[in-house]
N, C-alpha and C. Protein backbone atom coordinates (compact mmCIF):
# COMPACT_ATOMS: atom_id res chain seq x y z
N MET A 1 103.25 111.05 111.10
CA MET A 1 103.19 110.94 112.54
C MET A 1 101.72 110.83 112.95
N ILE A 2 101.41 109.82 113.73
CA ILE A 2 100.06 109.61 114.24
C ILE A 2 100.05 110.01 115.71
N ARG A 3 99.10 110.85 116.08
CA ARG A 3 99.00 111.35 117.45
C ARG A 3 97.84 110.67 118.16
N ILE A 4 98.14 110.13 119.35
CA ILE A 4 97.13 109.47 120.18
C ILE A 4 96.98 110.28 121.45
N GLU A 5 95.78 110.73 121.73
CA GLU A 5 95.51 111.49 122.94
C GLU A 5 94.54 110.70 123.81
N ASN A 6 94.89 110.55 125.09
CA ASN A 6 93.98 109.92 126.04
C ASN A 6 94.11 110.62 127.39
N HIS A 7 93.48 110.08 128.41
CA HIS A 7 93.47 110.73 129.72
C HIS A 7 94.86 110.77 130.38
N LEU A 8 95.81 109.96 129.89
CA LEU A 8 97.16 109.94 130.45
C LEU A 8 98.11 110.92 129.77
N GLY A 9 97.76 111.36 128.57
CA GLY A 9 98.62 112.30 127.86
C GLY A 9 98.56 112.09 126.36
N VAL A 10 99.66 112.45 125.70
CA VAL A 10 99.74 112.39 124.24
C VAL A 10 100.90 111.48 123.85
N ILE A 11 100.65 110.64 122.84
CA ILE A 11 101.68 109.76 122.30
C ILE A 11 101.75 110.01 120.80
N ASP A 12 102.96 110.22 120.30
CA ASP A 12 103.17 110.36 118.86
C ASP A 12 103.84 109.08 118.36
N VAL A 13 103.23 108.44 117.36
CA VAL A 13 103.77 107.22 116.77
C VAL A 13 104.24 107.57 115.37
N SER A 14 105.50 107.27 115.07
CA SER A 14 106.07 107.66 113.78
C SER A 14 105.60 106.72 112.66
N ASN A 15 105.60 107.25 111.45
CA ASN A 15 105.25 106.44 110.29
C ASN A 15 106.29 105.35 110.05
N THR A 16 107.53 105.59 110.46
CA THR A 16 108.57 104.58 110.33
C THR A 16 108.25 103.35 111.16
N TYR A 17 107.73 103.56 112.38
CA TYR A 17 107.32 102.44 113.24
C TYR A 17 106.25 101.62 112.54
N PHE A 18 105.22 102.29 112.01
CA PHE A 18 104.16 101.57 111.31
C PHE A 18 104.70 100.83 110.10
N ALA A 19 105.60 101.47 109.35
CA ALA A 19 106.17 100.84 108.16
C ALA A 19 106.91 99.56 108.52
N HIS A 20 107.71 99.60 109.58
CA HIS A 20 108.44 98.40 110.01
C HIS A 20 107.48 97.32 110.50
N LEU A 21 106.54 97.69 111.34
CA LEU A 21 105.57 96.75 111.90
C LEU A 21 104.76 96.09 110.79
N ILE A 22 104.18 96.89 109.93
CA ILE A 22 103.32 96.38 108.86
C ILE A 22 104.15 95.62 107.82
N GLY A 23 105.31 96.14 107.47
CA GLY A 23 106.17 95.46 106.50
C GLY A 23 106.57 94.07 106.97
N HIS A 24 106.85 93.93 108.25
CA HIS A 24 107.21 92.63 108.82
C HIS A 24 106.03 91.67 108.74
N VAL A 25 104.85 92.14 109.09
CA VAL A 25 103.65 91.30 109.06
C VAL A 25 103.32 90.86 107.63
N VAL A 26 103.37 91.79 106.69
CA VAL A 26 103.05 91.48 105.29
C VAL A 26 104.07 90.52 104.70
N GLY A 27 105.34 90.71 105.05
CA GLY A 27 106.39 89.84 104.55
C GLY A 27 106.24 88.39 104.99
N GLU A 28 105.56 88.15 106.10
CA GLU A 28 105.35 86.79 106.60
C GLU A 28 104.15 86.09 105.96
N CYS A 29 103.33 86.83 105.23
CA CYS A 29 102.13 86.24 104.62
C CYS A 29 102.51 85.38 103.42
N PHE A 30 101.87 84.24 103.31
CA PHE A 30 102.11 83.31 102.21
C PHE A 30 101.75 83.97 100.88
N GLY A 31 102.62 83.81 99.89
CA GLY A 31 102.34 84.32 98.56
C GLY A 31 102.81 85.74 98.29
N VAL A 32 103.30 86.42 99.32
CA VAL A 32 103.77 87.79 99.15
C VAL A 32 105.27 87.76 98.86
N SER A 33 105.66 88.33 97.72
CA SER A 33 107.07 88.38 97.35
C SER A 33 107.79 89.57 97.96
N GLY A 34 107.03 90.59 98.32
CA GLY A 34 107.64 91.76 98.93
C GLY A 34 106.77 92.99 98.76
N LEU A 35 107.24 94.08 99.29
CA LEU A 35 106.57 95.37 99.16
C LEU A 35 107.18 96.12 97.98
N VAL A 36 106.38 96.97 97.35
CA VAL A 36 106.79 97.71 96.16
C VAL A 36 106.65 99.20 96.45
N ASN A 37 107.58 100.00 95.92
CA ASN A 37 107.48 101.46 96.10
C ASN A 37 106.12 101.95 95.64
N SER A 38 105.48 102.74 96.49
CA SER A 38 104.11 103.18 96.19
C SER A 38 104.01 104.63 95.75
N THR A 39 105.04 105.41 95.98
CA THR A 39 105.00 106.82 95.59
C THR A 39 106.30 107.17 94.85
N PRO A 40 106.26 108.22 94.05
CA PRO A 40 107.48 108.64 93.37
C PRO A 40 108.61 108.97 94.34
N SER A 41 108.27 109.55 95.49
CA SER A 41 109.32 109.89 96.46
C SER A 41 109.97 108.63 97.03
N GLN A 42 109.20 107.57 97.23
CA GLN A 42 109.79 106.31 97.70
C GLN A 42 110.71 105.74 96.63
N GLY A 43 110.30 105.81 95.37
CA GLY A 43 111.14 105.33 94.28
C GLY A 43 112.44 106.10 94.17
N LEU A 44 112.35 107.42 94.30
CA LEU A 44 113.54 108.26 94.23
C LEU A 44 114.49 107.98 95.40
N ARG A 45 113.92 107.87 96.60
CA ARG A 45 114.77 107.55 97.76
C ARG A 45 115.41 106.19 97.63
N SER A 46 114.71 105.24 97.04
CA SER A 46 115.26 103.90 96.83
C SER A 46 116.44 103.95 95.87
N ILE A 47 116.30 104.74 94.80
CA ILE A 47 117.39 104.89 93.83
C ILE A 47 118.59 105.57 94.46
N LEU A 48 118.34 106.64 95.21
CA LEU A 48 119.43 107.39 95.82
C LEU A 48 120.14 106.63 96.93
N SER A 49 119.43 105.71 97.60
CA SER A 49 120.05 104.96 98.70
C SER A 49 120.96 103.86 98.18
N GLY A 50 120.87 103.53 96.91
CA GLY A 50 121.74 102.52 96.32
C GLY A 50 121.03 101.19 96.16
N LYS A 51 121.59 100.37 95.29
CA LYS A 51 120.98 99.07 95.02
C LYS A 51 121.11 98.16 96.24
N GLY A 52 120.07 97.33 96.42
CA GLY A 52 120.10 96.37 97.52
C GLY A 52 119.60 96.91 98.84
N LYS A 53 119.47 98.22 98.94
CA LYS A 53 118.97 98.80 100.19
C LYS A 53 117.51 99.19 100.02
N ASP A 54 116.70 98.76 100.96
CA ASP A 54 115.29 99.13 100.93
C ASP A 54 115.08 100.34 101.81
N ILE A 55 114.19 101.22 101.38
CA ILE A 55 113.84 102.35 102.23
C ILE A 55 112.88 101.86 103.30
N GLN A 56 112.81 102.59 104.39
CA GLN A 56 112.07 102.13 105.57
C GLN A 56 110.58 102.03 105.35
N ASP A 57 110.00 102.93 104.57
CA ASP A 57 108.54 102.92 104.41
C ASP A 57 108.10 102.36 103.06
N LYS A 58 108.90 101.51 102.47
CA LYS A 58 108.62 100.98 101.15
C LYS A 58 107.26 100.28 101.10
N GLY A 59 106.38 100.78 100.23
CA GLY A 59 105.10 100.14 99.99
C GLY A 59 104.04 100.33 101.05
N VAL A 60 104.31 101.13 102.07
CA VAL A 60 103.36 101.32 103.17
C VAL A 60 103.04 102.80 103.33
N LYS A 61 101.75 103.10 103.40
CA LYS A 61 101.33 104.46 103.69
C LYS A 61 100.23 104.39 104.74
N VAL A 62 100.40 105.12 105.84
CA VAL A 62 99.44 105.12 106.94
C VAL A 62 98.97 106.55 107.16
N ARG A 63 97.66 106.71 107.26
CA ARG A 63 97.10 108.02 107.59
C ARG A 63 95.97 107.83 108.58
N GLU A 64 95.72 108.89 109.32
CA GLU A 64 94.71 108.85 110.39
C GLU A 64 93.63 109.87 110.09
N SER A 65 92.39 109.44 110.29
CA SER A 65 91.27 110.33 110.09
C SER A 65 90.16 109.95 111.04
N GLY A 66 89.77 110.87 111.89
CA GLY A 66 88.68 110.60 112.82
C GLY A 66 88.95 109.50 113.81
N GLY A 67 90.21 109.34 114.21
CA GLY A 67 90.55 108.31 115.19
C GLY A 67 90.72 106.91 114.60
N ARG A 68 90.64 106.78 113.28
CA ARG A 68 90.79 105.49 112.63
C ARG A 68 91.94 105.57 111.62
N LEU A 69 92.67 104.48 111.49
CA LEU A 69 93.78 104.42 110.56
C LEU A 69 93.34 103.86 109.22
N THR A 70 93.89 104.42 108.17
CA THR A 70 93.75 103.85 106.83
C THR A 70 95.15 103.47 106.38
N ILE A 71 95.31 102.23 105.98
CA ILE A 71 96.63 101.70 105.60
C ILE A 71 96.59 101.29 104.14
N ASP A 72 97.52 101.82 103.36
CA ASP A 72 97.66 101.45 101.95
C ASP A 72 98.92 100.61 101.80
N LEU A 73 98.78 99.46 101.16
CA LEU A 73 99.90 98.55 100.94
C LEU A 73 100.05 98.27 99.45
N HIS A 74 101.26 98.35 98.97
CA HIS A 74 101.57 98.03 97.57
C HIS A 74 102.51 96.82 97.62
N ILE A 75 102.01 95.68 97.11
CA ILE A 75 102.77 94.44 97.26
C ILE A 75 103.04 93.78 95.91
N ALA A 76 104.00 92.86 95.93
CA ALA A 76 104.26 91.96 94.81
C ALA A 76 103.87 90.56 95.29
N VAL A 77 103.15 89.83 94.45
CA VAL A 77 102.72 88.48 94.81
C VAL A 77 103.43 87.45 93.96
N THR A 78 103.42 86.22 94.43
CA THR A 78 104.01 85.10 93.71
C THR A 78 103.01 84.60 92.67
N TYR A 79 103.49 84.35 91.48
CA TYR A 79 102.63 83.88 90.39
C TYR A 79 101.99 82.54 90.76
N GLY A 80 100.70 82.40 90.49
CA GLY A 80 100.00 81.14 90.68
C GLY A 80 99.27 80.99 91.99
N VAL A 81 99.33 81.99 92.86
CA VAL A 81 98.63 81.89 94.14
C VAL A 81 97.28 82.59 94.05
N ASN A 82 96.39 82.24 94.95
CA ASN A 82 95.05 82.82 94.99
C ASN A 82 95.15 84.23 95.58
N ILE A 83 95.02 85.23 94.75
CA ILE A 83 95.20 86.62 95.18
C ILE A 83 94.14 87.03 96.19
N SER A 84 92.92 86.59 96.00
CA SER A 84 91.84 86.93 96.93
C SER A 84 92.16 86.42 98.34
N ALA A 85 92.65 85.20 98.44
CA ALA A 85 92.99 84.62 99.75
C ALA A 85 94.16 85.37 100.39
N ILE A 86 95.14 85.75 99.58
CA ILE A 86 96.30 86.49 100.10
C ILE A 86 95.84 87.84 100.66
N VAL A 87 95.01 88.54 99.91
CA VAL A 87 94.55 89.87 100.34
C VAL A 87 93.75 89.78 101.63
N LYS A 88 92.85 88.81 101.74
CA LYS A 88 92.07 88.63 102.97
C LYS A 88 92.98 88.35 104.15
N SER A 89 93.99 87.50 103.94
CA SER A 89 94.94 87.18 105.01
C SER A 89 95.72 88.41 105.45
N ILE A 90 96.18 89.20 104.49
CA ILE A 90 96.94 90.42 104.80
C ILE A 90 96.07 91.40 105.59
N ILE A 91 94.85 91.62 105.14
CA ILE A 91 93.96 92.55 105.83
C ILE A 91 93.73 92.12 107.27
N ASN A 92 93.46 90.85 107.49
CA ASN A 92 93.22 90.34 108.85
C ASN A 92 94.46 90.46 109.72
N LYS A 93 95.63 90.05 109.19
CA LYS A 93 96.86 90.09 109.99
C LYS A 93 97.29 91.52 110.32
N VAL A 94 97.21 92.41 109.34
CA VAL A 94 97.62 93.80 109.57
C VAL A 94 96.69 94.46 110.57
N THR A 95 95.39 94.27 110.41
CA THR A 95 94.42 94.86 111.33
C THR A 95 94.65 94.38 112.75
N TYR A 96 94.79 93.08 112.92
CA TYR A 96 94.99 92.51 114.26
C TYR A 96 96.29 93.01 114.88
N THR A 97 97.38 92.99 114.12
CA THR A 97 98.69 93.37 114.65
C THR A 97 98.74 94.84 115.05
N VAL A 98 98.24 95.72 114.20
CA VAL A 98 98.27 97.16 114.51
C VAL A 98 97.39 97.46 115.72
N GLU A 99 96.20 96.88 115.76
CA GLU A 99 95.31 97.14 116.89
C GLU A 99 95.87 96.58 118.18
N ALA A 100 96.52 95.41 118.14
CA ALA A 100 97.11 94.82 119.34
C ALA A 100 98.35 95.59 119.80
N ALA A 101 99.17 96.04 118.85
CA ALA A 101 100.42 96.71 119.20
C ALA A 101 100.23 98.14 119.65
N CYS A 102 99.27 98.83 119.06
CA CYS A 102 99.13 100.27 119.29
C CYS A 102 97.84 100.66 120.00
N GLY A 103 96.85 99.81 119.99
CA GLY A 103 95.57 100.16 120.57
C GLY A 103 94.77 101.12 119.73
N LEU A 104 95.16 101.26 118.46
CA LEU A 104 94.44 102.13 117.54
C LEU A 104 93.47 101.31 116.71
N THR A 105 92.40 101.93 116.27
CA THR A 105 91.42 101.26 115.45
C THR A 105 91.80 101.40 113.97
N VAL A 106 91.85 100.27 113.29
CA VAL A 106 92.12 100.28 111.86
C VAL A 106 90.79 100.32 111.13
N GLY A 107 90.56 101.39 110.40
CA GLY A 107 89.31 101.55 109.67
C GLY A 107 89.31 100.82 108.35
N LYS A 108 90.47 100.85 107.67
CA LYS A 108 90.52 100.26 106.33
C LYS A 108 91.95 99.89 105.98
N VAL A 109 92.10 98.74 105.31
CA VAL A 109 93.38 98.33 104.76
C VAL A 109 93.17 98.14 103.26
N ASN A 110 93.86 98.95 102.48
CA ASN A 110 93.79 98.85 101.02
C ASN A 110 95.03 98.13 100.53
N VAL A 111 94.84 97.04 99.79
CA VAL A 111 95.96 96.27 99.27
C VAL A 111 95.97 96.40 97.75
N TYR A 112 97.08 96.89 97.22
CA TYR A 112 97.24 97.05 95.78
C TYR A 112 98.30 96.07 95.29
N ILE A 113 97.93 95.25 94.31
CA ILE A 113 98.88 94.31 93.72
C ILE A 113 99.63 95.08 92.64
N ALA A 114 100.90 95.36 92.89
CA ALA A 114 101.68 96.19 91.99
C ALA A 114 102.61 95.37 91.08
N ASP A 115 102.84 94.10 91.45
CA ASP A 115 103.77 93.28 90.67
C ASP A 115 103.46 91.81 90.93
N MET A 116 103.84 90.97 89.96
CA MET A 116 103.69 89.54 90.11
C MET A 116 105.02 88.91 89.74
N LYS A 117 105.55 88.06 90.62
CA LYS A 117 106.87 87.48 90.39
C LYS A 117 106.77 85.97 90.29
N VAL A 118 107.62 85.41 89.45
CA VAL A 118 107.70 83.96 89.28
C VAL A 118 108.88 83.47 90.10
N HIS A 119 108.61 82.50 90.98
CA HIS A 119 109.69 81.93 91.81
C HIS A 119 109.87 80.49 91.49
């Protein structure tokens, strides 16, 4: 849960909201095959939820420190694409989307290539 305090009051933004928002943005990027479970708890929840069902926060971790967000993404890429270009595109799109949607400052986006798929 990310808490935003301003002169109008307090807003709590859930991690599920960020996971959906960021997952949608990352899924639209060229060369990205999908998000990959980033923690053991995500893997366990994925197994327990059954095959074919994705957990809500798959591959996305958001934390706040000093008024800035740090976003960790674990992705699978398509074989043969320029990974550097994909990562730059993801960082720019995620930063822009989160800052436009929430008004929060994104301090850092970490992209981890966890898998490579042949399509």
